[in-house]
N, C-alpha and C. Protein backbone atom coordinates (compact mmCIF):
# COMPACT_ATOMS: atom_id res chain seq x y z
N MET A 1 8.28 50.25 -23.02
CA MET A 1 7.51 49.66 -21.95
C MET A 1 8.26 48.43 -21.44
N LYS A 2 8.31 48.30 -20.15
CA LYS A 2 9.03 47.17 -19.56
C LYS A 2 8.19 45.91 -19.64
N SER A 3 8.90 44.81 -19.75
CA SER A 3 8.18 43.54 -19.76
C SER A 3 7.79 43.18 -18.33
N SER A 4 6.86 42.27 -18.20
CA SER A 4 6.38 41.88 -16.87
C SER A 4 7.47 41.19 -16.07
N GLN A 5 8.39 40.54 -16.73
CA GLN A 5 9.48 39.86 -16.03
C GLN A 5 10.44 40.89 -15.40
N VAL A 6 10.71 41.98 -16.12
CA VAL A 6 11.58 43.03 -15.59
C VAL A 6 10.91 43.73 -14.43
N ILE A 7 9.60 43.98 -14.56
CA ILE A 7 8.85 44.62 -13.48
C ILE A 7 8.83 43.73 -12.25
N ALA A 8 8.64 42.44 -12.44
CA ALA A 8 8.65 41.50 -11.32
C ALA A 8 10.02 41.47 -10.65
N SER A 9 11.07 41.53 -11.46
CA SER A 9 12.43 41.55 -10.91
C SER A 9 12.68 42.83 -10.11
N ASP A 10 12.20 43.96 -10.62
CA ASP A 10 12.35 45.22 -9.89
C ASP A 10 11.55 45.20 -8.59
N ASN A 11 10.35 44.64 -8.64
CA ASN A 11 9.54 44.53 -7.42
C ASN A 11 10.21 43.63 -6.39
N LEU A 12 10.80 42.55 -6.84
CA LEU A 12 11.51 41.65 -5.94
C LEU A 12 12.71 42.35 -5.32
N ALA A 13 13.43 43.13 -6.11
CA ALA A 13 14.58 43.87 -5.60
C ALA A 13 14.15 44.90 -4.56
N VAL A 14 13.05 45.58 -4.82
CA VAL A 14 12.54 46.57 -3.86
C VAL A 14 12.12 45.88 -2.57
N ASN A 15 11.45 44.75 -2.67
CA ASN A 15 11.04 44.00 -1.48
C ASN A 15 12.25 43.51 -0.70
N GLU A 16 13.27 43.06 -1.41
CA GLU A 16 14.49 42.60 -0.74
C GLU A 16 15.18 43.77 -0.04
N ALA A 17 15.20 44.93 -0.68
CA ALA A 17 15.80 46.12 -0.05
C ALA A 17 15.02 46.51 1.20
N GLN A 18 13.69 46.45 1.13
CA GLN A 18 12.88 46.78 2.29
C GLN A 18 13.16 45.81 3.44
N LEU A 19 13.30 44.53 3.12
CA LEU A 19 13.60 43.54 4.15
C LEU A 19 14.97 43.81 4.79
N LEU A 20 15.97 44.09 3.96
CA LEU A 20 17.30 44.36 4.50
C LEU A 20 17.31 45.63 5.35
N LEU A 21 16.59 46.64 4.92
CA LEU A 21 16.53 47.87 5.71
C LEU A 21 15.78 47.66 7.03
N ALA A 22 14.75 46.82 7.02
CA ALA A 22 14.04 46.49 8.26
C ALA A 22 14.95 45.73 9.22
N GLU A 23 15.74 44.80 8.68
CA GLU A 23 16.69 44.06 9.52
C GLU A 23 17.75 45.00 10.08
N LYS A 24 18.17 45.96 9.28
CA LYS A 24 19.16 46.93 9.75
C LYS A 24 18.57 47.79 10.87
N ARG A 25 17.31 48.20 10.73
CA ARG A 25 16.65 48.96 11.81
C ARG A 25 16.57 48.14 13.09
N THR A 26 16.32 46.84 12.96
CA THR A 26 16.28 45.98 14.13
C THR A 26 17.65 45.92 14.80
N ALA A 27 18.70 45.81 13.99
CA ALA A 27 20.06 45.79 14.55
C ALA A 27 20.38 47.11 15.23
N LEU A 28 19.92 48.22 14.68
CA LEU A 28 20.13 49.51 15.32
C LEU A 28 19.38 49.60 16.65
N SER A 29 18.21 48.98 16.73
CA SER A 29 17.47 48.94 18.00
C SER A 29 18.22 48.11 19.04
N VAL A 30 18.80 47.01 18.60
CA VAL A 30 19.60 46.18 19.52
C VAL A 30 20.82 46.97 19.99
N LEU A 31 21.42 47.74 19.09
CA LEU A 31 22.56 48.58 19.46
C LEU A 31 22.15 49.60 20.52
N ARG A 32 21.02 50.23 20.34
CA ARG A 32 20.52 51.21 21.31
C ARG A 32 20.26 50.55 22.67
N THR A 33 19.68 49.35 22.64
CA THR A 33 19.42 48.62 23.88
C THR A 33 20.72 48.23 24.56
N GLY A 34 21.70 47.77 23.78
CA GLY A 34 23.00 47.39 24.34
C GLY A 34 23.69 48.57 25.00
N ILE A 35 23.60 49.74 24.39
CA ILE A 35 24.21 50.94 24.98
C ILE A 35 23.53 51.28 26.30
N ALA A 36 22.20 51.16 26.34
CA ALA A 36 21.47 51.44 27.58
C ALA A 36 21.82 50.45 28.68
N VAL A 37 21.92 49.17 28.32
CA VAL A 37 22.28 48.14 29.31
C VAL A 37 23.71 48.36 29.80
N PHE A 38 24.57 48.79 28.90
CA PHE A 38 25.96 49.05 29.27
C PHE A 38 26.08 50.27 30.17
N ALA A 39 25.25 51.28 29.96
CA ALA A 39 25.34 52.52 30.73
C ALA A 39 24.78 52.39 32.15
N LEU A 40 23.85 51.48 32.36
CA LEU A 40 23.23 51.34 33.68
C LEU A 40 24.24 51.02 34.79
N PRO A 41 25.11 50.00 34.63
CA PRO A 41 26.08 49.73 35.69
C PRO A 41 27.05 50.89 35.91
N LEU A 42 27.39 51.60 34.86
CA LEU A 42 28.30 52.73 35.02
C LEU A 42 27.68 53.83 35.87
N SER A 43 26.39 54.07 35.69
CA SER A 43 25.73 55.09 36.51
C SER A 43 25.58 54.62 37.95
N VAL A 44 25.33 53.33 38.16
CA VAL A 44 25.24 52.80 39.53
C VAL A 44 26.58 52.93 40.23
N LEU A 45 27.65 52.59 39.53
CA LEU A 45 28.99 52.71 40.14
C LEU A 45 29.33 54.17 40.41
N SER A 46 28.90 55.07 39.57
CA SER A 46 29.15 56.49 39.80
C SER A 46 28.47 56.96 41.08
N VAL A 47 27.25 56.52 41.30
CA VAL A 47 26.53 56.88 42.52
C VAL A 47 27.22 56.28 43.74
N LEU A 48 27.66 55.04 43.63
CA LEU A 48 28.35 54.41 44.76
C LEU A 48 29.66 55.13 45.09
N ILE A 49 30.39 55.54 44.08
CA ILE A 49 31.64 56.25 44.32
C ILE A 49 31.37 57.64 44.89
N ALA A 50 30.35 58.31 44.38
CA ALA A 50 30.03 59.65 44.87
C ALA A 50 29.56 59.63 46.32
N THR A 51 28.91 58.56 46.74
CA THR A 51 28.40 58.49 48.12
C THR A 51 29.28 57.64 49.03
N SER A 52 30.46 57.29 48.59
CA SER A 52 31.31 56.37 49.36
C SER A 52 31.76 56.95 50.69
N ARG A 53 31.76 58.24 50.85
CA ARG A 53 32.19 58.79 52.14
C ARG A 53 31.11 58.63 53.22
N TYR A 54 29.88 58.26 52.82
CA TYR A 54 28.79 58.11 53.78
C TYR A 54 28.64 56.69 54.32
N TYR A 55 29.45 55.77 53.86
CA TYR A 55 29.36 54.40 54.36
C TYR A 55 30.75 53.79 54.43
N ASN A 56 30.85 52.74 55.24
CA ASN A 56 32.11 52.02 55.38
C ASN A 56 32.00 50.75 54.54
N ILE A 57 32.95 50.55 53.65
CA ILE A 57 32.90 49.41 52.73
C ILE A 57 32.88 48.09 53.49
N ALA A 58 33.57 48.01 54.60
CA ALA A 58 33.61 46.77 55.38
C ALA A 58 32.22 46.38 55.90
N HIS A 59 31.38 47.37 56.18
CA HIS A 59 30.04 47.08 56.70
C HIS A 59 29.04 46.68 55.62
N VAL A 60 29.27 47.11 54.40
CA VAL A 60 28.32 46.83 53.33
C VAL A 60 28.89 45.91 52.24
N ILE A 61 29.98 45.22 52.55
CA ILE A 61 30.61 44.37 51.55
C ILE A 61 29.68 43.24 51.09
N ASN A 62 28.84 42.74 52.01
CA ASN A 62 27.90 41.68 51.62
C ASN A 62 26.82 42.17 50.66
N LEU A 63 26.62 43.46 50.56
CA LEU A 63 25.72 44.03 49.56
C LEU A 63 26.46 44.45 48.28
N LEU A 64 27.71 44.88 48.45
CA LEU A 64 28.47 45.35 47.30
C LEU A 64 28.91 44.22 46.37
N ILE A 65 29.25 43.08 46.92
CA ILE A 65 29.73 41.97 46.08
C ILE A 65 28.64 41.51 45.11
N PRO A 66 27.41 41.22 45.56
CA PRO A 66 26.38 40.85 44.57
C PRO A 66 26.09 41.98 43.57
N LEU A 67 26.14 43.22 44.03
CA LEU A 67 25.91 44.34 43.14
C LEU A 67 27.00 44.43 42.07
N LEU A 68 28.24 44.24 42.47
CA LEU A 68 29.34 44.27 41.51
C LEU A 68 29.27 43.10 40.53
N VAL A 69 28.84 41.94 41.02
CA VAL A 69 28.68 40.78 40.12
C VAL A 69 27.57 41.07 39.11
N LEU A 70 26.49 41.65 39.57
CA LEU A 70 25.40 42.02 38.67
C LEU A 70 25.86 43.07 37.66
N ASN A 71 26.65 44.03 38.11
CA ASN A 71 27.17 45.05 37.20
C ASN A 71 28.09 44.45 36.14
N VAL A 72 28.93 43.52 36.53
CA VAL A 72 29.81 42.85 35.57
C VAL A 72 28.96 42.09 34.54
N ALA A 73 27.91 41.43 35.01
CA ALA A 73 27.04 40.70 34.09
C ALA A 73 26.34 41.67 33.12
N LEU A 74 25.89 42.81 33.61
CA LEU A 74 25.23 43.79 32.74
C LEU A 74 26.21 44.42 31.74
N VAL A 75 27.42 44.68 32.18
CA VAL A 75 28.44 45.22 31.26
C VAL A 75 28.75 44.18 30.18
N SER A 76 28.83 42.91 30.58
CA SER A 76 29.09 41.85 29.60
C SER A 76 27.94 41.73 28.61
N LEU A 77 26.72 41.75 29.10
CA LEU A 77 25.55 41.67 28.22
C LEU A 77 25.49 42.88 27.29
N GLY A 78 25.70 44.06 27.82
CA GLY A 78 25.69 45.26 26.99
C GLY A 78 26.78 45.23 25.92
N SER A 79 27.97 44.78 26.30
CA SER A 79 29.06 44.68 25.32
C SER A 79 28.72 43.68 24.23
N TYR A 80 28.16 42.55 24.63
CA TYR A 80 27.77 41.53 23.65
C TYR A 80 26.74 42.08 22.66
N LEU A 81 25.73 42.77 23.19
CA LEU A 81 24.68 43.32 22.33
C LEU A 81 25.24 44.36 21.37
N VAL A 82 26.12 45.22 21.85
CA VAL A 82 26.69 46.27 21.02
C VAL A 82 27.57 45.66 19.92
N ILE A 83 28.43 44.73 20.29
CA ILE A 83 29.32 44.12 19.30
C ILE A 83 28.52 43.34 18.27
N ARG A 84 27.54 42.59 18.72
CA ARG A 84 26.71 41.81 17.79
C ARG A 84 25.94 42.72 16.84
N ALA A 85 25.39 43.81 17.36
CA ALA A 85 24.62 44.73 16.53
C ALA A 85 25.52 45.41 15.50
N ILE A 86 26.71 45.81 15.89
CA ILE A 86 27.63 46.45 14.94
C ILE A 86 28.00 45.48 13.82
N ARG A 87 28.26 44.23 14.17
CA ARG A 87 28.58 43.24 13.14
C ARG A 87 27.40 43.03 12.20
N GLN A 88 26.18 42.98 12.74
CA GLN A 88 25.00 42.81 11.90
C GLN A 88 24.78 44.02 10.99
N ILE A 89 25.00 45.20 11.51
CA ILE A 89 24.82 46.41 10.70
C ILE A 89 25.79 46.40 9.52
N HIS A 90 27.04 46.04 9.78
CA HIS A 90 28.01 45.95 8.69
C HIS A 90 27.62 44.88 7.68
N HIS A 91 27.10 43.77 8.17
CA HIS A 91 26.66 42.69 7.28
C HIS A 91 25.52 43.17 6.37
N TYR A 92 24.54 43.84 6.96
CA TYR A 92 23.41 44.32 6.17
C TYR A 92 23.84 45.42 5.21
N ASP A 93 24.80 46.24 5.61
CA ASP A 93 25.32 47.26 4.70
C ASP A 93 25.97 46.62 3.47
N ARG A 94 26.72 45.53 3.69
CA ARG A 94 27.33 44.83 2.55
C ARG A 94 26.26 44.22 1.65
N LEU A 95 25.23 43.63 2.24
CA LEU A 95 24.16 43.05 1.43
C LEU A 95 23.42 44.12 0.63
N ILE A 96 23.21 45.27 1.23
CA ILE A 96 22.54 46.36 0.53
C ILE A 96 23.41 46.87 -0.62
N GLU A 97 24.71 46.96 -0.40
CA GLU A 97 25.62 47.38 -1.47
C GLU A 97 25.58 46.39 -2.63
N ASN A 98 25.58 45.09 -2.31
CA ASN A 98 25.48 44.07 -3.37
C ASN A 98 24.17 44.19 -4.13
N LEU A 99 23.09 44.45 -3.42
CA LEU A 99 21.79 44.60 -4.06
C LEU A 99 21.78 45.83 -4.96
N LYS A 100 22.39 46.92 -4.51
CA LYS A 100 22.45 48.13 -5.33
C LYS A 100 23.27 47.90 -6.59
N GLN A 101 24.32 47.11 -6.49
CA GLN A 101 25.14 46.82 -7.67
C GLN A 101 24.39 45.94 -8.66
N LYS A 102 23.61 45.00 -8.17
CA LYS A 102 22.84 44.11 -9.05
C LYS A 102 21.70 44.84 -9.75
N HIS A 103 21.01 45.66 -8.99
CA HIS A 103 19.81 46.34 -9.50
C HIS A 103 20.04 47.85 -9.46
N GLY A 104 20.46 48.38 -10.57
CA GLY A 104 20.74 49.80 -10.65
C GLY A 104 19.51 50.67 -10.46
N ALA A 105 18.33 50.11 -10.70
CA ALA A 105 17.10 50.90 -10.59
C ALA A 105 16.84 51.34 -9.16
N ILE A 106 17.24 50.53 -8.19
CA ILE A 106 16.97 50.91 -6.80
C ILE A 106 18.14 51.64 -6.18
N ALA A 107 19.27 51.69 -6.86
CA ALA A 107 20.46 52.36 -6.31
C ALA A 107 20.22 53.83 -6.05
N GLU A 108 19.41 54.47 -6.89
CA GLU A 108 19.14 55.89 -6.71
C GLU A 108 18.26 56.16 -5.50
N TRP A 109 17.51 55.17 -5.02
CA TRP A 109 16.60 55.35 -3.89
C TRP A 109 17.26 55.02 -2.56
N ILE A 110 18.29 54.20 -2.59
CA ILE A 110 18.96 53.78 -1.36
C ILE A 110 20.33 54.42 -1.32
N ASP A 111 20.61 55.12 -0.24
CA ASP A 111 21.92 55.76 -0.12
C ASP A 111 22.69 55.12 1.00
């Protein structure tokens, strides 16, 4: 029979694993959002290129410049979110590996 101190330590390890996995899920959500933000300007530019024969760039340049600036800002934001999320995911993976090495009891439950 395990002592209460060992059981408390196992419970703490399980709670810590749950917290790390929740943080990892949050980072994965940020990654998904970053990919969506990154894809939006690419689809807008695709539509503009596909319909470019129907308008003269010289006539709509005052609309295209703000749109291109907005697209650059969205690509930058999307890239930032994706890079940040990937770094966080790797960080949480390392923390989970350390936790699995410390507490062998939870290693079989976390892959």
